[in-house]
Amino acid sequence: MAQTQTQSDLQVGNYLGQPIFKTIQARNGTYVFDRIAECVDGEFPLDQLNKDELLIRPGLIYRPQY
């Protein structure tokens, strides 16, 4: 799971006590919050990610901003 990236925009909610930001800045550009990852047996299977998506603690999936 990727480490927390730089937040760059509005907070749109909370999940497990952590903020969900509308967008984040990562090394490869700007990413937009897309969905909460499915947790299976205490883990987040990576096969639920599409190409170029990021999985951020505590289970947030961000997609590239186009």
Protein backbone atom coordinates (compact mmCIF):
# COMPACT_ATOMS: atom_id res chain seq x y z
CA MET A 1 0.00 0.00 0.00
CA ALA A 2 1.35 3.40 -0.93
CA GLN A 3 2.28 5.77 1.85
CA THR A 4 0.26 8.93 2.44
CA GLN A 5 0.76 11.49 -0.29
CA THR A 6 0.54 15.27 -0.13
CA GLN A 7 -3.05 16.44 0.23
CA SER A 8 -3.96 19.14 -2.24
CA ASP A 9 -7.66 19.78 -2.06
CA LEU A 10 -10.84 19.68 -0.04
CA GLN A 11 -11.60 16.97 2.46
CA VAL A 12 -14.67 15.10 1.19
CA GLY A 13 -15.17 12.72 4.09
CA ASN A 14 -13.62 10.39 6.65
CA TYR A 15 -12.90 6.69 6.69
CA LEU A 16 -11.74 4.82 9.80
CA GLY A 17 -10.94 8.13 11.44
CA GLN A 18 -8.73 9.35 8.58
CA PRO A 19 -9.60 12.18 6.17
CA ILE A 20 -10.52 11.50 2.57
CA PHE A 21 -9.21 14.25 0.32
CA LYS A 22 -10.80 14.96 -3.06
CA THR A 23 -7.35 14.99 -4.70
CA ILE A 24 -3.80 14.16 -3.69
CA GLN A 25 -0.44 14.91 -5.26
CA ALA A 26 1.86 11.96 -5.91
CA ARG A 27 5.15 11.58 -7.72
CA ASN A 28 3.33 10.81 -10.97
CA GLY A 29 0.81 13.67 -10.81
CA THR A 30 -2.59 14.43 -9.37
CA TYR A 31 -4.96 11.67 -8.26
CA VAL A 32 -8.70 11.89 -7.51
CA PHE A 33 -10.50 9.88 -4.81
CA ASP A 34 -12.50 7.13 -6.49
CA ARG A 35 -13.65 4.58 -3.91
CA ILE A 36 -12.97 2.67 -0.71
CA ALA A 37 -11.10 -0.60 -1.20
CA GLU A 38 -12.68 -3.90 -0.24
CA CYS A 39 -11.00 -5.46 2.78
CA VAL A 40 -10.70 -9.27 2.70
CA ASP A 41 -9.40 -11.07 5.79
CA GLY A 42 -7.81 -7.84 7.04
CA GLU A 43 -6.00 -7.14 3.78
CA PHE A 44 -6.68 -5.17 0.60
CA PRO A 45 -6.27 -7.42 -2.47
CA LEU A 46 -4.44 -5.53 -5.20
CA ASP A 47 -6.49 -7.17 -7.96
CA GLN A 48 -9.26 -4.65 -7.22
CA LEU A 49 -7.06 -1.84 -8.56
CA ASN A 50 -7.24 -0.68 -12.15
CA LYS A 51 -4.13 0.36 -14.05
CA ASP A 52 -2.44 3.45 -12.58
CA GLU A 53 -4.61 3.57 -9.43
CA LEU A 54 -3.13 4.11 -5.97
CA LEU A 55 -4.13 2.38 -2.75
CA ILE A 56 -3.60 4.73 0.20
CA ARG A 57 -3.97 3.93 3.91
CA PRO A 58 -6.47 3.16 5.38
CA GLY A 59 -7.88 1.62 2.17
CA LEU A 60 -8.65 4.51 -0.17
CA ILE A 61 -8.34 4.12 -3.93
CA TYR A 62 -7.33 7.12 -6.01
CA ARG A 63 -7.29 7.26 -9.83
CA PRO A 64 -5.25 9.56 -12.05
CA GLN A 65 -6.84 12.92 -12.79
CA TYR A 66 -7.34 13.34 -16.52
